[in-house]
Amino acid sequence: RTFLQDQARSTFDRTVADIETKINRTKISVNTNVIDNDDDDIFPGAAKDMGSEAKIRFLKARLRVMQEELERTHTECVKRVSYKKN
């Protein structure tokens, strides 16, 4: 693996970890009503009325989009590196 691949993977892993943290915080909020959930930017405003299965589908779709963006970014970085080498 190249440095760029490692860096892209690290960025992706951090993003997934951030989403997991926010989801866990949301679960705690629902269970204890201690944490304010208004600043959560994972779900759109309409998601408050969504069921758990719909939220899971939404998160899976968002993850697929993030993976596509990561792949595009990686491809772009590889092109730039190869361009700079030439």
PDB file of N, CA and C in Angstrom:
ATOM      1  N   ARG A   1       0.833  -1.196   0.000  1.00  0.00           N
ATOM      2  CA  ARG A   1       0.000   0.000   0.000  1.00  0.00           C
ATOM      3  C   ARG A   1       0.867   1.245   0.000  1.00  0.00           C
ATOM      4  N   THR A   2       0.357   2.244  -0.672  1.00  0.00           N
ATOM      5  CA  THR A   2       1.102   3.494  -0.755  1.00  0.00           C
ATOM      6  C   THR A   2       0.737   4.404   0.400  1.00  0.00           C
ATOM      7  N   PHE A   3       1.514   5.449   0.542  1.00  0.00           N
ATOM      8  CA  PHE A   3       1.245   6.448   1.576  1.00  0.00           C
ATOM      9  C   PHE A   3      -0.145   7.054   1.394  1.00  0.00           C
ATOM     10  N   LEU A   4      -0.498   7.359   0.141  1.00  0.00           N
ATOM     11  CA  LEU A   4      -1.815   7.964  -0.118  1.00  0.00           C
ATOM     12  C   LEU A   4      -2.950   7.003   0.223  1.00  0.00           C
ATOM     13  N   GLN A   5      -2.760   5.739  -0.075  1.00  0.00           N
ATOM     14  CA  GLN A   5      -3.782   4.760   0.276  1.00  0.00           C
ATOM     15  C   GLN A   5      -3.934   4.684   1.788  1.00  0.00           C
ATOM     16  N   ASP A   6      -2.824   4.675   2.496  1.00  0.00           N
ATOM     17  CA  ASP A   6      -2.879   4.635   3.959  1.00  0.00           C
ATOM     18  C   ASP A   6      -3.569   5.878   4.510  1.00  0.00           C
ATOM     19  N   GLN A   7      -3.247   7.025   3.932  1.00  0.00           N
ATOM     20  CA  GLN A   7      -3.848   8.271   4.400  1.00  0.00           C
ATOM     21  C   GLN A   7      -5.351   8.293   4.102  1.00  0.00           C
ATOM     22  N   ALA A   8      -5.742   7.854   2.908  1.00  0.00           N
ATOM     23  CA  ALA A   8      -7.160   7.817   2.550  1.00  0.00           C
ATOM     24  C   ALA A   8      -7.905   6.845   3.460  1.00  0.00           C
ATOM     25  N   ARG A   9      -7.290   5.708   3.721  1.00  0.00           N
ATOM     26  CA  ARG A   9      -7.915   4.719   4.603  1.00  0.00           C
ATOM     27  C   ARG A   9      -8.080   5.276   6.012  1.00  0.00           C
ATOM     28  N   SER A  10      -7.068   5.976   6.485  1.00  0.00           N
ATOM     29  CA  SER A  10      -7.121   6.573   7.813  1.00  0.00           C
ATOM     30  C   SER A  10      -8.234   7.607   7.901  1.00  0.00           C
ATOM     31  N   THR A  11      -8.367   8.430   6.876  1.00  0.00           N
ATOM     32  CA  THR A  11      -9.436   9.428   6.838  1.00  0.00           C
ATOM     33  C   THR A  11     -10.795   8.751   6.838  1.00  0.00           C
ATOM     34  N   PHE A  12     -10.925   7.705   6.034  1.00  0.00           N
ATOM     35  CA  PHE A  12     -12.189   6.967   5.973  1.00  0.00           C
ATOM     36  C   PHE A  12     -12.512   6.340   7.328  1.00  0.00           C
ATOM     37  N   ASP A  13     -11.510   5.725   7.961  1.00  0.00           N
ATOM     38  CA  ASP A  13     -11.716   5.098   9.268  1.00  0.00           C
ATOM     39  C   ASP A  13     -12.148   6.125  10.313  1.00  0.00           C
ATOM     40  N   ARG A  14     -11.534   7.307  10.278  1.00  0.00           N
ATOM     41  CA  ARG A  14     -11.920   8.365  11.226  1.00  0.00           C
ATOM     42  C   ARG A  14     -13.363   8.808  10.992  1.00  0.00           C
ATOM     43  N   THR A  15     -13.751   8.918   9.727  1.00  0.00           N
ATOM     44  CA  THR A  15     -15.113   9.336   9.405  1.00  0.00           C
ATOM     45  C   THR A  15     -16.120   8.311   9.904  1.00  0.00           C
ATOM     46  N   VAL A  16     -15.839   7.045   9.676  1.00  0.00           N
ATOM     47  CA  VAL A  16     -16.732   5.978  10.154  1.00  0.00           C
ATOM     48  C   VAL A  16     -16.792   5.992  11.677  1.00  0.00           C
ATOM     49  N   ALA A  17     -15.656   6.174  12.336  1.00  0.00           N
ATOM     50  CA  ALA A  17     -15.630   6.224  13.796  1.00  0.00           C
ATOM     51  C   ALA A  17     -16.448   7.416  14.314  1.00  0.00           C
ATOM     52  N   ASP A  18     -16.359   8.558  13.632  1.00  0.00           N
ATOM     53  CA  ASP A  18     -17.149   9.727  14.031  1.00  0.00           C
ATOM     54  C   ASP A  18     -18.645   9.434  13.926  1.00  0.00           C
ATOM     55  N   ILE A  19     -19.044   8.774  12.837  1.00  0.00           N
ATOM     56  CA  ILE A  19     -20.457   8.426  12.660  1.00  0.00           C
ATOM     57  C   ILE A  19     -20.894   7.459  13.750  1.00  0.00           C
ATOM     58  N   GLU A  20     -20.070   6.456  14.039  1.00  0.00           N
ATOM     59  CA  GLU A  20     -20.410   5.495  15.094  1.00  0.00           C
ATOM     60  C   GLU A  20     -20.546   6.193  16.436  1.00  0.00           C
ATOM     61  N   THR A  21     -19.659   7.144  16.714  1.00  0.00           N
ATOM     62  CA  THR A  21     -19.725   7.892  17.968  1.00  0.00           C
ATOM     63  C   THR A  21     -21.035   8.660  18.058  1.00  0.00           C
ATOM     64  N   LYS A  22     -21.406   9.314  16.967  1.00  0.00           N
ATOM     65  CA  LYS A  22     -22.656  10.084  16.965  1.00  0.00           C
ATOM     66  C   LYS A  22     -23.868   9.166  17.125  1.00  0.00           C
ATOM     67  N   ILE A  23     -23.816   8.003  16.505  1.00  0.00           N
ATOM     68  CA  ILE A  23     -24.928   7.055  16.645  1.00  0.00           C
ATOM     69  C   ILE A  23     -25.021   6.586  18.091  1.00  0.00           C
ATOM     70  N   ASN A  24     -23.877   6.254  18.685  1.00  0.00           N
ATOM     71  CA  ASN A  24     -23.879   5.819  20.079  1.00  0.00           C
ATOM     72  C   ASN A  24     -24.372   6.928  20.994  1.00  0.00           C
ATOM     73  N   ARG A  25     -23.987   8.169  20.708  1.00  0.00           N
ATOM     74  CA  ARG A  25     -24.442   9.302  21.503  1.00  0.00           C
ATOM     75  C   ARG A  25     -25.966   9.451  21.381  1.00  0.00           C
ATOM     76  N   THR A  26     -26.470   9.207  20.172  1.00  0.00           N
ATOM     77  CA  THR A  26     -27.911   9.282  19.951  1.00  0.00           C
ATOM     78  C   THR A  26     -28.620   8.198  20.751  1.00  0.00           C
ATOM     79  N   LYS A  27     -28.051   6.993  20.777  1.00  0.00           N
ATOM     80  CA  LYS A  27     -28.646   5.898  21.551  1.00  0.00           C
ATOM     81  C   LYS A  27     -28.675   6.253  23.035  1.00  0.00           C
ATOM     82  N   ILE A  28     -27.582   6.826  23.526  1.00  0.00           N
ATOM     83  CA  ILE A  28     -27.536   7.235  24.929  1.00  0.00           C
ATOM     84  C   ILE A  28     -28.587   8.299  25.187  1.00  0.00           C
ATOM     85  N   SER A  29     -28.717   9.231  24.266  1.00  0.00           N
ATOM     86  CA  SER A  29     -29.686  10.311  24.409  1.00  0.00           C
ATOM     87  C   SER A  29     -31.106   9.764  24.490  1.00  0.00           C
ATOM     88  N   VAL A  30     -31.407   8.807  23.639  1.00  0.00           N
ATOM     89  CA  VAL A  30     -32.748   8.227  23.631  1.00  0.00           C
ATOM     90  C   VAL A  30     -33.015   7.473  24.926  1.00  0.00           C
ATOM     91  N   ASN A  31     -31.987   6.782  25.421  1.00  0.00           N
ATOM     92  CA  ASN A  31     -32.160   5.960  26.618  1.00  0.00           C
ATOM     93  C   ASN A  31     -32.169   6.763  27.910  1.00  0.00           C
ATOM     94  N   THR A  32     -31.427   7.853  27.973  1.00  0.00           N
ATOM     95  CA  THR A  32     -31.296   8.569  29.235  1.00  0.00           C
ATOM     96  C   THR A  32     -31.863   9.987  29.206  1.00  0.00           C
ATOM     97  N   ASN A  33     -32.100  10.526  28.005  1.00  0.00           N
ATOM     98  CA  ASN A  33     -32.571  11.902  27.843  1.00  0.00           C
ATOM     99  C   ASN A  33     -31.632  12.915  28.492  1.00  0.00           C
ATOM    100  N   VAL A  34     -30.345  12.574  28.589  1.00  0.00           N
ATOM    101  CA  VAL A  34     -29.367  13.473  29.197  1.00  0.00           C
ATOM    102  C   VAL A  34     -28.668  14.311  28.141  1.00  0.00           C
ATOM    103  N   ILE A  35     -28.314  13.704  27.038  1.00  0.00           N
ATOM    104  CA  ILE A  35     -27.563  14.395  25.996  1.00  0.00           C
ATOM    105  C   ILE A  35     -28.540  15.043  25.025  1.00  0.00           C
ATOM    106  N   ASP A  36     -28.286  16.310  24.685  1.00  0.00           N
ATOM    107  CA  ASP A  36     -29.118  17.021  23.725  1.00  0.00           C
ATOM    108  C   ASP A  36     -28.747  16.565  22.324  1.00  0.00           C
ATOM    109  N   ASN A  37     -29.725  16.181  21.541  1.00  0.00           N
ATOM    110  CA  ASN A  37     -29.500  15.594  20.234  1.00  0.00           C
ATOM    111  C   ASN A  37     -29.703  16.600  19.107  1.00  0.00           C
ATOM    112  N   ASP A  38     -29.911  17.880  19.404  1.00  0.00           N
ATOM    113  CA  ASP A  38     -30.222  18.859  18.374  1.00  0.00           C
ATOM    114  C   ASP A  38     -29.044  19.167  17.459  1.00  0.00           C
ATOM    115  N   ASP A  39     -27.823  18.995  17.929  1.00  0.00           N
ATOM    116  CA  ASP A  39     -26.665  19.324  17.104  1.00  0.00           C
ATOM    117  C   ASP A  39     -26.194  18.144  16.256  1.00  0.00           C
ATOM    118  N   ASP A  40     -26.945  17.062  16.205  1.00  0.00           N
ATOM    119  CA  ASP A  40     -26.587  15.877  15.436  1.00  0.00           C
ATOM    120  C   ASP A  40     -26.752  16.166  13.955  1.00  0.00           C
ATOM    121  N   ASP A  41     -25.678  16.028  13.186  1.00  0.00           N
ATOM    122  CA  ASP A  41     -25.748  16.314  11.764  1.00  0.00           C
ATOM    123  C   ASP A  41     -25.702  15.068  10.893  1.00  0.00           C
ATOM    124  N   ILE A  42     -25.876  13.905  11.479  1.00  0.00           N
ATOM    125  CA  ILE A  42     -25.867  12.674  10.692  1.00  0.00           C
ATOM    126  C   ILE A  42     -27.171  12.536   9.917  1.00  0.00           C
ATOM    127  N   PHE A  43     -28.276  12.751  10.578  1.00  0.00           N
ATOM    128  CA  PHE A  43     -29.580  12.568   9.957  1.00  0.00           C
ATOM    129  C   PHE A  43     -30.183  13.909   9.564  1.00  0.00           C
ATOM    130  N   PRO A  44     -30.924  13.928   8.456  1.00  0.00           N
ATOM    131  CA  PRO A  44     -31.635  15.157   8.098  1.00  0.00           C
ATOM    132  C   PRO A  44     -32.778  15.406   9.083  1.00  0.00           C
ATOM    133  N   GLY A  45     -33.331  16.604   9.047  1.00  0.00           N
ATOM    134  CA  GLY A  45     -34.395  16.961   9.978  1.00  0.00           C
ATOM    135  C   GLY A  45     -35.587  16.014   9.922  1.00  0.00           C
ATOM    136  N   ALA A  46     -35.917  15.517   8.740  1.00  0.00           N
ATOM    137  CA  ALA A  46     -37.063  14.628   8.590  1.00  0.00           C
ATOM    138  C   ALA A  46     -36.829  13.257   9.217  1.00  0.00           C
ATOM    139  N   ALA A  47     -35.593  12.957   9.570  1.00  0.00           N
ATOM    140  CA  ALA A  47     -35.265  11.631  10.106  1.00  0.00           C
ATOM    141  C   ALA A  47     -35.825  11.408  11.500  1.00  0.00           C
ATOM    142  N   LYS A  48     -36.254  12.469  12.166  1.00  0.00           N
ATOM    143  CA  LYS A  48     -36.806  12.299  13.510  1.00  0.00           C
ATOM    144  C   LYS A  48     -38.035  11.402  13.499  1.00  0.00           C
ATOM    145  N   ASP A  49     -38.726  11.387  12.368  1.00  0.00           N
ATOM    146  CA  ASP A  49     -39.924  10.560  12.253  1.00  0.00           C
ATOM    147  C   ASP A  49     -39.641   9.203  11.616  1.00  0.00           C
ATOM    148  N   MET A  50     -38.384   8.951  11.255  1.00  0.00           N
ATOM    149  CA  MET A  50     -38.037   7.685  10.610  1.00  0.00           C
ATOM    150  C   MET A  50     -37.900   6.576  11.653  1.00  0.00           C
ATOM    151  N   GLY A  51     -38.275   5.384  11.247  1.00  0.00           N
ATOM    152  CA  GLY A  51     -38.069   4.230  12.112  1.00  0.00           C
ATOM    153  C   GLY A  51     -36.624   3.795  12.079  1.00  0.00           C
ATOM    154  N   SER A  52     -36.273   2.859  12.937  1.00  0.00           N
ATOM    155  CA  SER A  52     -34.869   2.431  13.019  1.00  0.00           C
ATOM    156  C   SER A  52     -34.397   1.756  11.732  1.00  0.00           C
ATOM    157  N   GLU A  53     -35.260   0.983  11.080  1.00  0.00           N
ATOM    158  CA  GLU A  53     -34.855   0.332   9.828  1.00  0.00           C
ATOM    159  C   GLU A  53     -34.597   1.357   8.737  1.00  0.00           C
ATOM    160  N   ALA A  54     -35.411   2.383   8.670  1.00  0.00           N
ATOM    161  CA  ALA A  54     -35.214   3.442   7.677  1.00  0.00           C
ATOM    162  C   ALA A  54     -33.914   4.194   7.955  1.00  0.00           C
ATOM    163  N   LYS A  55     -33.612   4.416   9.227  1.00  0.00           N
ATOM    164  CA  LYS A  55     -32.362   5.094   9.580  1.00  0.00           C
ATOM    165  C   LYS A  55     -31.158   4.238   9.187  1.00  0.00           C
ATOM    166  N   ILE A  56     -31.269   2.938   9.381  1.00  0.00           N
ATOM    167  CA  ILE A  56     -30.176   2.038   8.998  1.00  0.00           C
ATOM    168  C   ILE A  56     -29.974   2.077   7.491  1.00  0.00           C
ATOM    169  N   ARG A  57     -31.080   2.053   6.718  1.00  0.00           N
ATOM    170  CA  ARG A  57     -30.962   2.143   5.259  1.00  0.00           C
ATOM    171  C   ARG A  57     -30.316   3.458   4.853  1.00  0.00           C
ATOM    172  N   PHE A  58     -30.718   4.538   5.508  1.00  0.00           N
ATOM    173  CA  PHE A  58     -30.144   5.848   5.232  1.00  0.00           C
ATOM    174  C   PHE A  58     -28.634   5.844   5.501  1.00  0.00           C
ATOM    175  N   LEU A  59     -28.232   5.285   6.641  1.00  0.00           N
ATOM    176  CA  LEU A  59     -26.811   5.256   6.988  1.00  0.00           C
ATOM    177  C   LEU A  59     -26.009   4.387   6.015  1.00  0.00           C
ATOM    178  N   LYS A  60     -26.591   3.264   5.588  1.00  0.00           N
ATOM    179  CA  LYS A  60     -25.897   2.415   4.623  1.00  0.00           C
ATOM    180  C   LYS A  60     -25.722   3.141   3.296  1.00  0.00           C
ATOM    181  N   ALA A  61     -26.749   3.865   2.867  1.00  0.00           N
ATOM    182  CA  ALA A  61     -26.643   4.633   1.625  1.00  0.00           C
ATOM    183  C   ALA A  61     -25.597   5.725   1.764  1.00  0.00           C
ATOM    184  N   ARG A  62     -25.590   6.386   2.901  1.00  0.00           N
ATOM    185  CA  ARG A  62     -24.603   7.438   3.130  1.00  0.00           C
ATOM    186  C   ARG A  62     -23.191   6.854   3.151  1.00  0.00           C
ATOM    187  N   LEU A  63     -23.032   5.685   3.722  1.00  0.00           N
ATOM    188  CA  LEU A  63     -21.734   5.023   3.743  1.00  0.00           C
ATOM    189  C   LEU A  63     -21.274   4.687   2.330  1.00  0.00           C
ATOM    190  N   ARG A  64     -22.198   4.196   1.482  1.00  0.00           N
ATOM    191  CA  ARG A  64     -21.842   3.892   0.093  1.00  0.00           C
ATOM    192  C   ARG A  64     -21.368   5.148  -0.631  1.00  0.00           C
ATOM    193  N   VAL A  65     -22.055   6.271  -0.405  1.00  0.00           N
ATOM    194  CA  VAL A  65     -21.650   7.532  -1.022  1.00  0.00           C
ATOM    195  C   VAL A  65     -20.263   7.938  -0.536  1.00  0.00           C
ATOM    196  N   MET A  66     -20.019   7.785   0.758  1.00  0.00           N
ATOM    197  CA  MET A  66     -18.704   8.129   1.313  1.00  0.00           C
ATOM    198  C   MET A  66     -17.618   7.240   0.718  1.00  0.00           C
ATOM    199  N   GLN A  67     -17.926   5.959   0.519  1.00  0.00           N
ATOM    200  CA  GLN A  67     -16.949   5.053  -0.079  1.00  0.00           C
ATOM    201  C   GLN A  67     -16.642   5.465  -1.515  1.00  0.00           C
ATOM    202  N   GLU A  68     -17.680   5.877  -2.250  1.00  0.00           N
ATOM    203  CA  GLU A  68     -17.469   6.344  -3.620  1.00  0.00           C
ATOM    204  C   GLU A  68     -16.608   7.607  -3.632  1.00  0.00           C
ATOM    205  N   GLU A  69     -16.880   8.519  -2.713  1.00  0.00           N
ATOM    206  CA  GLU A  69     -16.088   9.745  -2.625  1.00  0.00           C
ATOM    207  C   GLU A  69     -14.637   9.424  -2.276  1.00  0.00           C
ATOM    208  N   LEU A  70     -14.447   8.480  -1.366  1.00  0.00           N
ATOM    209  CA  LEU A  70     -13.094   8.064  -0.996  1.00  0.00           C
ATOM    210  C   LEU A  70     -12.373   7.476  -2.202  1.00  0.00           C
ATOM    211  N   GLU A  71     -13.055   6.653  -2.967  1.00  0.00           N
ATOM    212  CA  GLU A  71     -12.452   6.044  -4.148  1.00  0.00           C
ATOM    213  C   GLU A  71     -12.087   7.112  -5.179  1.00  0.00           C
ATOM    214  N   ARG A  72     -12.972   8.089  -5.391  1.00  0.00           N
ATOM    215  CA  ARG A  72     -12.666   9.178  -6.324  1.00  0.00           C
ATOM    216  C   ARG A  72     -11.463   9.987  -5.847  1.00  0.00           C
ATOM    217  N   THR A  73     -11.426  10.272  -4.557  1.00  0.00           N
ATOM    218  CA  THR A  73     -10.310  11.029  -3.993  1.00  0.00           C
ATOM    219  C   THR A  73      -9.011  10.251  -4.141  1.00  0.00           C
ATOM    220  N   HIS A  74      -9.074   8.978  -3.851  1.00  0.00           N
ATOM    221  CA  HIS A  74      -7.888   8.124  -3.984  1.00  0.00           C
ATOM    222  C   HIS A  74      -7.404   8.120  -5.436  1.00  0.00           C
ATOM    223  N   THR A  75      -8.319   7.943  -6.375  1.00  0.00           N
ATOM    224  CA  THR A  75      -7.960   7.921  -7.793  1.00  0.00           C
ATOM    225  C   THR A  75      -7.318   9.246  -8.198  1.00  0.00           C
ATOM    226  N   GLU A  76      -7.895  10.334  -7.732  1.00  0.00           N
ATOM    227  CA  GLU A  76      -7.352  11.658  -8.039  1.00  0.00           C
ATOM    228  C   GLU A  76      -5.942  11.821  -7.465  1.00  0.00           C
ATOM    229  N   CYS A  77      -5.746  11.359  -6.243  1.00  0.00           N
ATOM    230  CA  CYS A  77      -4.413  11.441  -5.618  1.00  0.00           C
ATOM    231  C   CYS A  77      -3.395  10.615  -6.386  1.00  0.00           C
ATOM    232  N   VAL A  78      -3.777   9.432  -6.809  1.00  0.00           N
ATOM    233  CA  VAL A  78      -2.868   8.574  -7.571  1.00  0.00           C
ATOM    234  C   VAL A  78      -2.506   9.258  -8.888  1.00  0.00           C
ATOM    235  N   LYS A  79      -3.490   9.870  -9.539  1.00  0.00           N
ATOM    236  CA  LYS A  79      -3.216  10.577 -10.790  1.00  0.00           C
ATOM    237  C   LYS A  79      -2.250  11.733 -10.563  1.00  0.00           C
ATOM    238  N   ARG A  80      -2.447  12.476  -9.480  1.00  0.00           N
ATOM    239  CA  ARG A  80      -1.562  13.605  -9.185  1.00  0.00           C
ATOM    240  C   ARG A  80      -0.144  13.133  -8.911  1.00  0.00           C
ATOM    241  N   VAL A  81      -0.013  12.060  -8.149  1.00  0.00           N
ATOM    242  CA  VAL A  81       1.317  11.536  -7.835  1.00  0.00           C
ATOM    243  C   VAL A  81       2.008  11.066  -9.108  1.00  0.00           C
ATOM    244  N   SER A  82       1.280  10.348  -9.948  1.00  0.00           N
ATOM    245  CA  SER A  82       1.897   9.863 -11.185  1.00  0.00           C
ATOM    246  C   SER A  82       2.219  11.029 -12.119  1.00  0.00           C
ATOM    247  N   TYR A  83       1.414  12.080 -12.113  1.00  0.00           N
ATOM    248  CA  TYR A  83       1.680  13.258 -12.928  1.00  0.00           C
ATOM    249  C   TYR A  83       2.940  13.970 -12.439  1.00  0.00           C
ATOM    250  N   LYS A  84       3.088  14.069 -11.109  1.00  0.00           N
ATOM    251  CA  LYS A  84       4.266  14.734 -10.547  1.00  0.00           C
ATOM    252  C   LYS A  84       5.533  13.941 -10.804  1.00  0.00           C
ATOM    253  N   LYS A  85       5.418  12.614 -10.874  1.00  0.00           N
ATOM    254  CA  LYS A  85       6.593  11.781 -11.146  1.00  0.00           C
ATOM    255  C   LYS A  85       7.060  11.944 -12.586  1.00  0.00           C
ATOM    256  N   ASN A  86       6.116  12.224 -13.481  1.00  0.00           N
ATOM    257  CA  ASN A  86       6.462  12.364 -14.910  1.00  0.00           C
ATOM    258  C   ASN A  86       6.867  13.746 -15.171  1.00  0.00           C
TER     259      ASN A  86
END
